[in-house]
C-alpha atoms as a PDB file:
ATOM      1  CA  MET A   1     224.811-111.327 -63.741  1.00  0.00           C
ATOM      2  CA  LEU A   2     225.633-108.056 -65.558  1.00  0.00           C
ATOM      3  CA  LEU A   3     229.126-106.844 -64.140  1.00  0.00           C
ATOM      4  CA  VAL A   4     229.644-103.632 -66.635  1.00  0.00           C
ATOM      5  CA  GLU A   5     227.923-102.095 -69.205  1.00  0.00           C
ATOM      6  CA  PHE A   6     229.099 -99.136 -71.497  1.00  0.00           C
ATOM      7  CA  LYS A   7     225.996 -96.883 -72.843  1.00  0.00           C
ATOM      8  CA  ASN A   8     226.745 -94.413 -75.812  1.00  0.00           C
ATOM      9  CA  VAL A   9     230.672 -93.470 -74.467  1.00  0.00           C
ATOM     10  CA  TYR A  10     232.720 -91.297 -76.087  1.00  0.00           C
ATOM     11  CA  LYS A  11     236.308 -90.579 -75.094  1.00  0.00           C
ATOM     12  CA  LYS A  12     238.371 -87.418 -76.829  1.00  0.00           C
ATOM     13  CA  TYR A  13     242.068 -86.535 -76.085  1.00  0.00           C
ATOM     14  CA  ARG A  14     242.481 -82.776 -76.683  1.00  0.00           C
ATOM     15  CA  ASN A  15     239.621 -82.529 -78.806  1.00  0.00           C
ATOM     16  CA  GLU A  16     240.676 -85.793 -81.012  1.00  0.00           C
ATOM     17  CA  SER A  17     238.045 -88.386 -80.740  1.00  0.00           C
ATOM     18  CA  ILE A  18     239.457 -91.715 -79.870  1.00  0.00           C
ATOM     19  CA  LEU A  19     235.976 -93.768 -79.541  1.00  0.00           C
ATOM     20  CA  GLU A  20     232.430 -93.189 -80.503  1.00  0.00           C
ATOM     21  CA  ASN A  21     228.911 -94.215 -79.470  1.00  0.00           C
ATOM     22  CA  ILE A  22     230.341 -97.421 -77.679  1.00  0.00           C
ATOM     23  CA  ASN A  23     227.675 -99.606 -76.204  1.00  0.00           C
ATOM     24  CA  PHE A  24     228.448-103.107 -75.139  1.00  0.00           C
ATOM     25  CA  SER A  25     228.227-105.217 -71.944  1.00  0.00           C
ATOM     26  CA  ILE A  26     230.091-107.686 -69.715  1.00  0.00           C
ATOM     27  CA  GLU A  27     228.604-110.341 -67.751  1.00  0.00           C
ATOM     28  CA  LYS A  28     230.218-112.476 -65.006  1.00  0.00           C
ATOM     29  CA  GLY A  29     232.307-115.098 -65.707  1.00  0.00           C
ATOM     30  CA  GLN A  30     232.984-114.336 -69.305  1.00  0.00           C
ATOM     31  CA  VAL A  31     236.283-114.257 -71.481  1.00  0.00           C
ATOM     32  CA  VAL A  32     235.632-111.094 -73.527  1.00  0.00           C
ATOM     33  CA  GLY A  33     238.407-110.108 -76.117  1.00  0.00           C
ATOM     34  CA  ILE A  34     238.855-106.748 -77.653  1.00  0.00           C
ATOM     35  CA  ILE A  35     240.219-106.885 -81.057  1.00  0.00           C
ATOM     36  CA  GLY A  36     241.883-104.531 -83.416  1.00  0.00           C
ATOM     37  CA  PRO A  37     244.837-103.161 -85.335  1.00  0.00           C
ATOM     38  CA  ASN A  38     247.189-101.244 -82.710  1.00  0.00           C
ATOM     39  CA  GLY A  39     246.304 -97.472 -82.237  1.00  0.00           C
ATOM     40  CA  ILE A  40     242.461 -98.306 -82.763  1.00  0.00           C
ATOM     41  CA  GLY A  41     241.394 -97.495 -79.373  1.00  0.00           C
ATOM     42  CA  LYS A  42     241.669-100.900 -77.434  1.00  0.00           C
ATOM     43  CA  SER A  43     243.930 -99.674 -74.636  1.00  0.00           C
ATOM     44  CA  THR A  44     241.487 -96.530 -74.252  1.00  0.00           C
ATOM     45  CA  THR A  45     238.484 -98.676 -73.621  1.00  0.00           C
ATOM     46  CA  LEU A  46     240.644-100.822 -70.905  1.00  0.00           C
ATOM     47  CA  SER A  47     241.410 -97.694 -69.174  1.00  0.00           C
ATOM     48  CA  LEU A  48     237.503 -96.406 -69.327  1.00  0.00           C
ATOM     49  CA  LEU A  49     236.351 -99.681 -67.917  1.00  0.00           C
ATOM     50  CA  THR A  50     238.973 -99.483 -64.909  1.00  0.00           C
ATOM     51  CA  GLY A  51     238.478 -95.964 -64.044  1.00  0.00           C
ATOM     52  CA  LEU A  52     241.824 -94.631 -64.983  1.00  0.00           C
ATOM     53  CA  SER A  53     240.364 -92.451 -67.112  1.00  0.00           C
ATOM     54  CA  LYS A  54     237.128 -91.005 -67.550  1.00  0.00           C
ATOM     55  CA  VAL A  55     234.286 -90.520 -70.141  1.00  0.00           C
ATOM     56  CA  THR A  56     233.981 -87.732 -72.447  1.00  0.00           C
ATOM     57  CA  GLU A  57     229.934 -88.184 -72.930  1.00  0.00           C
ATOM     58  CA  GLY A  58     227.822 -90.884 -71.888  1.00  0.00           C
ATOM     59  CA  GLU A  59     228.147 -93.080 -68.969  1.00  0.00           C
ATOM     60  CA  ILE A  60     229.265 -96.346 -68.035  1.00  0.00           C
ATOM     61  CA  ASP A  61     227.107 -98.334 -65.169  1.00  0.00           C
ATOM     62  CA  TYR A  62     229.085-100.722 -62.805  1.00  0.00           C
ATOM     63  CA  TYR A  63     227.059-103.505 -61.056  1.00  0.00           C
ATOM     64  CA  ASP A  64     228.646-102.319 -57.737  1.00  0.00           C
ATOM     65  CA  LYS A  65     230.384 -98.846 -58.505  1.00  0.00           C
ATOM     66  CA  LYS A  66     231.324 -98.607 -54.643  1.00  0.00           C
ATOM     67  CA  ASP A  67     233.527-101.601 -54.926  1.00  0.00           C
ATOM     68  CA  PHE A  68     234.242-102.185 -58.559  1.00  0.00           C
ATOM     69  CA  GLN A  69     237.721-101.261 -58.426  1.00  0.00           C
ATOM     70  CA  THR A  70     238.887-103.063 -55.614  1.00  0.00           C
ATOM     71  CA  LYS A  71     237.479-106.132 -57.592  1.00  0.00           C
ATOM     72  CA  ILE A  72     240.008-105.489 -60.587  1.00  0.00           C
ATOM     73  CA  GLY A  73     243.234-106.828 -61.571  1.00  0.00           C
ATOM     74  CA  TYR A  74     244.990-105.076 -64.300  1.00  0.00           C
ATOM     75  CA  VAL A  75     247.827-106.173 -66.219  1.00  0.00           C
ATOM     76  CA  PRO A  76     249.255-102.997 -68.350  1.00  0.00           C
ATOM     77  CA  GLN A  77     250.303-103.220 -71.944  1.00  0.00           C
ATOM     78  CA  ASN A  78     254.207-102.792 -71.101  1.00  0.00           C
ATOM     79  CA  ASN A  79     255.348-104.716 -68.031  1.00  0.00           C
ATOM     80  CA  ALA A  80     255.280-102.530 -64.693  1.00  0.00           C
ATOM     81  CA  LEU A  81     258.351-103.946 -63.480  1.00  0.00           C
ATOM     82  CA  TYR A  82     261.534-103.032 -61.430  1.00  0.00           C
ATOM     83  CA  GLU A  83     264.474-104.881 -63.556  1.00  0.00           C
ATOM     84  CA  ASN A  84     267.007-104.364 -60.577  1.00  0.00           C
ATOM     85  CA  LEU A  85     264.703-106.135 -58.322  1.00  0.00           C
ATOM     86  CA  SER A  86     263.943-109.638 -57.571  1.00  0.00           C
ATOM     87  CA  GLY A  87     260.634-111.159 -58.611  1.00  0.00           C
ATOM     88  CA  PHE A  88     259.617-111.459 -54.852  1.00  0.00           C
ATOM     89  CA  ASP A  89     260.662-107.447 -54.335  1.00  0.00           C
ATOM     90  CA  ASN A  90     258.732-106.590 -57.230  1.00  0.00           C
ATOM     91  CA  LEU A  91     255.238-108.614 -55.829  1.00  0.00           C
ATOM     92  CA  SER A  92     256.375-107.456 -52.399  1.00  0.00           C
ATOM     93  CA  PHE A  93     256.169-104.119 -53.660  1.00  0.00           C
ATOM     94  CA  TYR A  94     252.687-104.469 -55.312  1.00  0.00           C
ATOM     95  CA  TYR A  95     251.494-106.200 -52.419  1.00  0.00           C
ATOM     96  CA  ASP A  96     252.108-103.069 -49.916  1.00  0.00           C
ATOM     97  CA  ILE A  97     250.638-100.865 -53.070  1.00  0.00           C
ATOM     98  CA  LEU A  98     247.302-103.095 -53.016  1.00  0.00           C
ATOM     99  CA  GLY A  99     246.856-103.219 -49.558  1.00  0.00           C
ATOM    100  CA  VAL A 100     246.755-107.016 -49.452  1.00  0.00           C
ATOM    101  CA  LYS A 101     245.755-108.419 -45.812  1.00  0.00           C
ATOM    102  CA  GLY A 102     247.422-111.785 -44.265  1.00  0.00           C
ATOM    103  CA  SER A 103     251.023-112.773 -44.714  1.00  0.00           C
ATOM    104  CA  LYS A 104     253.141-111.131 -47.318  1.00  0.00           C
ATOM    105  CA  LYS A 105     255.538-113.945 -47.884  1.00  0.00           C
ATOM    106  CA  GLU A 106     252.926-117.090 -48.170  1.00  0.00           C
ATOM    107  CA  LYS A 107     250.949-114.920 -50.480  1.00  0.00           C
ATOM    108  CA  ILE A 108     254.017-114.152 -52.593  1.00  0.00           C
ATOM    109  CA  LYS A 109     255.062-117.941 -52.508  1.00  0.00           C
ATOM    110  CA  GLU A 110     251.321-119.159 -53.560  1.00  0.00           C
ATOM    111  CA  ILE A 111     251.604-116.659 -56.371  1.00  0.00           C
ATOM    112  CA  GLY A 112     254.980-118.133 -57.699  1.00  0.00           C
ATOM    113  CA  ARG A 113     253.857-121.574 -57.135  1.00  0.00           C
ATOM    114  CA  TYR A 114     250.713-120.775 -59.424  1.00  0.00           C
ATOM    115  CA  LEU A 115     252.551-119.563 -62.325  1.00  0.00           C
ATOM    116  CA  ASP A 116     255.107-121.842 -61.930  1.00  0.00           C
ATOM    117  CA  LEU A 117     257.894-118.980 -61.183  1.00  0.00           C
ATOM    118  CA  GLU A 118     258.470-120.360 -57.522  1.00  0.00           C
ATOM    119  CA  ASN A 119     262.588-120.867 -58.255  1.00  0.00           C
ATOM    120  CA  GLN A 120     262.831-118.009 -60.158  1.00  0.00           C
ATOM    121  CA  LEU A 121     261.603-115.257 -57.712  1.00  0.00           C
ATOM    122  CA  ASP A 122     264.828-114.626 -56.011  1.00  0.00           C
ATOM    123  CA  LYS A 123     266.641-113.429 -59.688  1.00  0.00           C
ATOM    124  CA  LYS A 124     266.597-110.338 -60.513  1.00  0.00           C
ATOM    125  CA  VAL A 125     263.730-109.449 -63.191  1.00  0.00           C
ATOM    126  CA  SER A 126     266.031-108.249 -65.639  1.00  0.00           C
ATOM    127  CA  LYS A 127     267.341-111.601 -65.918  1.00  0.00           C
ATOM    128  CA  TYR A 128     263.832-112.921 -66.782  1.00  0.00           C
ATOM    129  CA  SER A 129     262.584-113.924 -70.356  1.00  0.00           C
ATOM    130  CA  GLY A 130     260.130-112.037 -71.768  1.00  0.00           C
ATOM    131  CA  GLY A 131     257.385-114.433 -71.046  1.00  0.00           C
ATOM    132  CA  MET A 132     258.480-114.428 -67.293  1.00  0.00           C
ATOM    133  CA  LYS A 133     258.233-111.075 -66.893  1.00  0.00           C
ATOM    134  CA  ARG A 134     254.553-111.228 -68.283  1.00  0.00           C
ATOM    135  CA  LYS A 135     253.796-113.661 -65.730  1.00  0.00           C
ATOM    136  CA  LEU A 136     255.248-111.767 -62.974  1.00  0.00           C
ATOM    137  CA  ASP A 137     253.312-109.054 -64.151  1.00  0.00           C
ATOM    138  CA  ILE A 138     249.755-111.000 -64.112  1.00  0.00           C
ATOM    139  CA  GLY A 139     251.286-112.134 -60.339  1.00  0.00           C
ATOM    140  CA  ALA A 140     251.132-108.711 -59.599  1.00  0.00           C
ATOM    141  CA  ALA A 141     247.608-108.159 -60.740  1.00  0.00           C
ATOM    142  CA  LEU A 142     246.450-111.542 -58.716  1.00  0.00           C
ATOM    143  CA  LEU A 143     247.634-110.447 -55.384  1.00  0.00           C
ATOM    144  CA  ASN A 144     244.579-109.176 -54.468  1.00  0.00           C
ATOM    145  CA  ASP A 145     242.501-112.288 -55.625  1.00  0.00           C
ATOM    146  CA  PRO A 146     240.613-109.835 -57.908  1.00  0.00           C
ATOM    147  CA  ASP A 147     237.196-111.000 -59.455  1.00  0.00           C
ATOM    148  CA  ILE A 148     237.853-109.426 -62.874  1.00  0.00           C
ATOM    149  CA  LEU A 149     241.192-109.787 -64.650  1.00  0.00           C
ATOM    150  CA  ILE A 150     241.919-107.167 -67.209  1.00  0.00           C
ATOM    151  CA  MET A 151     245.168-107.330 -69.754  1.00  0.00           C
ATOM    152  CA  ASP A 152     246.212-105.445 -72.240  1.00  0.00           C
ATOM    153  CA  GLU A 153     247.920-107.303 -74.923  1.00  0.00           C
ATOM    154  CA  PRO A 154     249.343-109.895 -72.884  1.00  0.00           C
ATOM    155  CA  THR A 155     250.665-111.930 -75.315  1.00  0.00           C
ATOM    156  CA  ALA A 156     252.095-108.948 -77.436  1.00  0.00           C
ATOM    157  CA  GLY A 157     256.013-109.441 -78.806  1.00  0.00           C
ATOM    158  CA  LEU A 158     255.856-113.227 -77.266  1.00  0.00           C
ATOM    159  CA  ASP A 159     256.861-116.312 -79.116  1.00  0.00           C
ATOM    160  CA  ILE A 160     254.033-118.893 -80.064  1.00  0.00           C
ATOM    161  CA  VAL A 161     255.155-121.299 -77.034  1.00  0.00           C
ATOM    162  CA  THR A 162     254.788-118.263 -74.600  1.00  0.00           C
ATOM    163  CA  ARG A 163     252.201-116.791 -76.097  1.00  0.00           C
ATOM    164  CA  ASN A 164     249.886-120.262 -75.862  1.00  0.00           C
ATOM    165  CA  SER A 165     250.866-120.612 -71.984  1.00  0.00           C
ATOM    166  CA  ILE A 166     249.174-117.114 -70.923  1.00  0.00           C
ATOM    167  CA  LEU A 167     246.061-117.950 -72.665  1.00  0.00           C
ATOM    168  CA  ASP A 168     246.259-121.510 -71.080  1.00  0.00           C
ATOM    169  CA  LEU A 169     246.505-119.349 -68.002  1.00  0.00           C
ATOM    170  CA  VAL A 170     243.722-116.804 -68.882  1.00  0.00           C
ATOM    171  CA  LYS A 171     241.709-119.915 -69.512  1.00  0.00           C
ATOM    172  CA  LYS A 172     242.541-121.412 -66.084  1.00  0.00           C
ATOM    173  CA  LEU A 173     241.806-118.404 -64.372  1.00  0.00           C
ATOM    174  CA  ASN A 174     238.448-118.150 -66.178  1.00  0.00           C
ATOM    175  CA  GLU A 175     237.959-121.927 -64.983  1.00  0.00           C
ATOM    176  CA  GLU A 176     238.304-120.943 -61.552  1.00  0.00           C
ATOM    177  CA  GLY A 177     235.612-118.136 -61.760  1.00  0.00           C
ATOM    178  CA  LYS A 178     237.427-114.862 -62.750  1.00  0.00           C
ATOM    179  CA  THR A 179     236.355-113.022 -65.296  1.00  0.00           C
ATOM    180  CA  VAL A 180     238.776-111.957 -67.883  1.00  0.00           C
ATOM    181  CA  ILE A 181     239.020-108.865 -70.654  1.00  0.00           C
ATOM    182  CA  PHE A 182     241.912-108.502 -72.921  1.00  0.00           C
ATOM    183  CA  THR A 183     242.634-106.850 -75.693  1.00  0.00           C
ATOM    184  CA  SER A 184     244.903-108.284 -78.797  1.00  0.00           C
ATOM    185  CA  HIS A 185     245.126-107.863 -82.457  1.00  0.00           C
ATOM    186  CA  TYR A 186     245.654-112.003 -83.036  1.00  0.00           C
ATOM    187  CA  VAL A 187     242.558-113.049 -83.684  1.00  0.00           C
ATOM    188  CA  ASN A 188     243.144-116.699 -83.605  1.00  0.00           C
ATOM    189  CA  GLU A 189     244.086-116.755 -80.255  1.00  0.00           C
ATOM    190  CA  MET A 190     240.550-115.566 -79.314  1.00  0.00           C
ATOM    191  CA  LYS A 191     238.714-118.105 -81.537  1.00  0.00           C
ATOM    192  CA  ASN A 192     238.847-121.086 -79.159  1.00  0.00           C
ATOM    193  CA  LEU A 193     239.044-118.559 -75.865  1.00  0.00           C
ATOM    194  CA  CYS A 194     236.383-115.868 -75.731  1.00  0.00           C
ATOM    195  CA  ASP A 195     232.720-116.134 -75.139  1.00  0.00           C
ATOM    196  CA  LYS A 196     232.562-112.792 -76.482  1.00  0.00           C
ATOM    197  CA  ILE A 197     234.412-110.532 -78.940  1.00  0.00           C
ATOM    198  CA  ILE A 198     234.554-106.656 -79.505  1.00  0.00           C
ATOM    199  CA  LEU A 199     235.906-105.682 -82.728  1.00  0.00           C
ATOM    200  CA  LEU A 200     236.731-102.239 -83.171  1.00  0.00           C
ATOM    201  CA  LYS A 201     237.612-100.094 -86.022  1.00  0.00           C
ATOM    202  CA  ASP A 202     236.904 -96.368 -86.887  1.00  0.00           C
ATOM    203  CA  ARG A 203     236.338 -95.118 -83.382  1.00  0.00           C
ATOM    204  CA  ASN A 204     233.368 -97.843 -83.118  1.00  0.00           C
ATOM    205  CA  ILE A 205     232.182-101.564 -82.681  1.00  0.00           C
ATOM    206  CA  ILE A 206     231.855-103.010 -85.647  1.00  0.00           C
ATOM    207  CA  PHE A 207     230.974-106.657 -84.433  1.00  0.00           C
ATOM    208  CA  ASP A 208     230.060-107.534 -80.408  1.00  0.00           C
ATOM    209  CA  GLY A 209     229.277-111.428 -80.289  1.00  0.00           C
ATOM    210  CA  ASN A 210     230.775-114.593 -80.275  1.00  0.00           C
ATOM    211  CA  PHE A 211     232.738-116.308 -83.250  1.00  0.00           C
ATOM    212  CA  ASN A 212     229.580-118.368 -84.327  1.00  0.00           C
ATOM    213  CA  GLU A 213     227.741-115.358 -84.855  1.00  0.00           C
ATOM    214  CA  LEU A 214     230.829-113.711 -86.653  1.00  0.00           C
ATOM    215  CA  ALA A 215     231.029-116.818 -89.021  1.00  0.00           C
ATOM    216  CA  LEU A 216     227.331-116.746 -89.867  1.00  0.00           C
ATOM    217  CA  ARG A 217     227.350-113.300 -90.567  1.00  0.00           C
ATOM    218  CA  TYR A 218     230.128-114.162 -93.280  1.00  0.00           C
ATOM    219  CA  PRO A 219     229.374-117.389 -94.383  1.00  0.00           C
ATOM    220  CA  ASN A 220     230.745-116.895 -97.796  1.00  0.00           C
ATOM    221  CA  ILE A 221     234.609-116.091 -96.325  1.00  0.00           C
ATOM    222  CA  GLU A 222     236.259-119.346 -95.110  1.00  0.00           C
ATOM    223  CA  SER A 223     238.340-118.600 -92.137  1.00  0.00           C
ATOM    224  CA  ILE A 224     238.070-116.195 -89.099  1.00  0.00           C
ATOM    225  CA  GLU A 225     241.259-114.713 -89.951  1.00  0.00           C
ATOM    226  CA  GLU A 226     240.114-113.674 -93.495  1.00  0.00           C
ATOM    227  CA  ILE A 227     237.077-112.332 -91.947  1.00  0.00           C
ATOM    228  CA  TYR A 228     239.189-109.988 -89.803  1.00  0.00           C
ATOM    229  CA  LEU A 229     241.361-109.092 -92.671  1.00  0.00           C
ATOM    230  CA  TYR A 230     238.092-108.342 -94.848  1.00  0.00           C
ATOM    231  CA  LEU A 231     236.991-106.448 -92.246  1.00  0.00           C
ATOM    232  CA  TYR A 232     239.754-104.026 -91.563  1.00  0.00           C
ATOM    233  CA  ASN A 233     240.726-103.773 -94.906  1.00  0.00           C
ATOM    234  CA  SER A 234     237.306-102.956 -96.630  1.00  0.00           C
END
């Protein structure tokens, strides 16, 4: 089932071209990785996808335009947390903002258990590790039980063990039926996770497919990581 489709999308900020002629689609249940170095337009693509930013030219078609935004959970690139509040109070704040129905206390406890943060929710976020803060950010995005989880560089700045735990969480969420779209500049972490990858370069898409298709396109290059370096250095 088609969820969303970008059709000849252009985006400019103050007459500076950020994205040009972007075309891709996302199917229900996919894990989609948008890859590229910093400043390449990954965050802008997500901003357009969520409706936080508007296209300059072209169009974005949604499977359910009326309710699409209510089905999204969004994890921003930088932590959107109040350091002087507890984990519980942070989730309580977003619970109210999102207008979630039901018992607030039970829902927050449920999120805490799901993310293995249940025993940390009474602590101030300033005492959290980087990985714990990232999990709490994800928890805030899960409060309204979204069908689609959009994550902007969820593993940036984390150590490899914590990065892997976040990726395991992405896999778990997808197995439970959520469509996951996330950006990264770590190509190796997407290799065994993504059904589809989108490579951005020079304001445009230079590849849209899976890793097997990418490897077939460049059979003389031995690893996915080397293909990535080749594409961005050529």
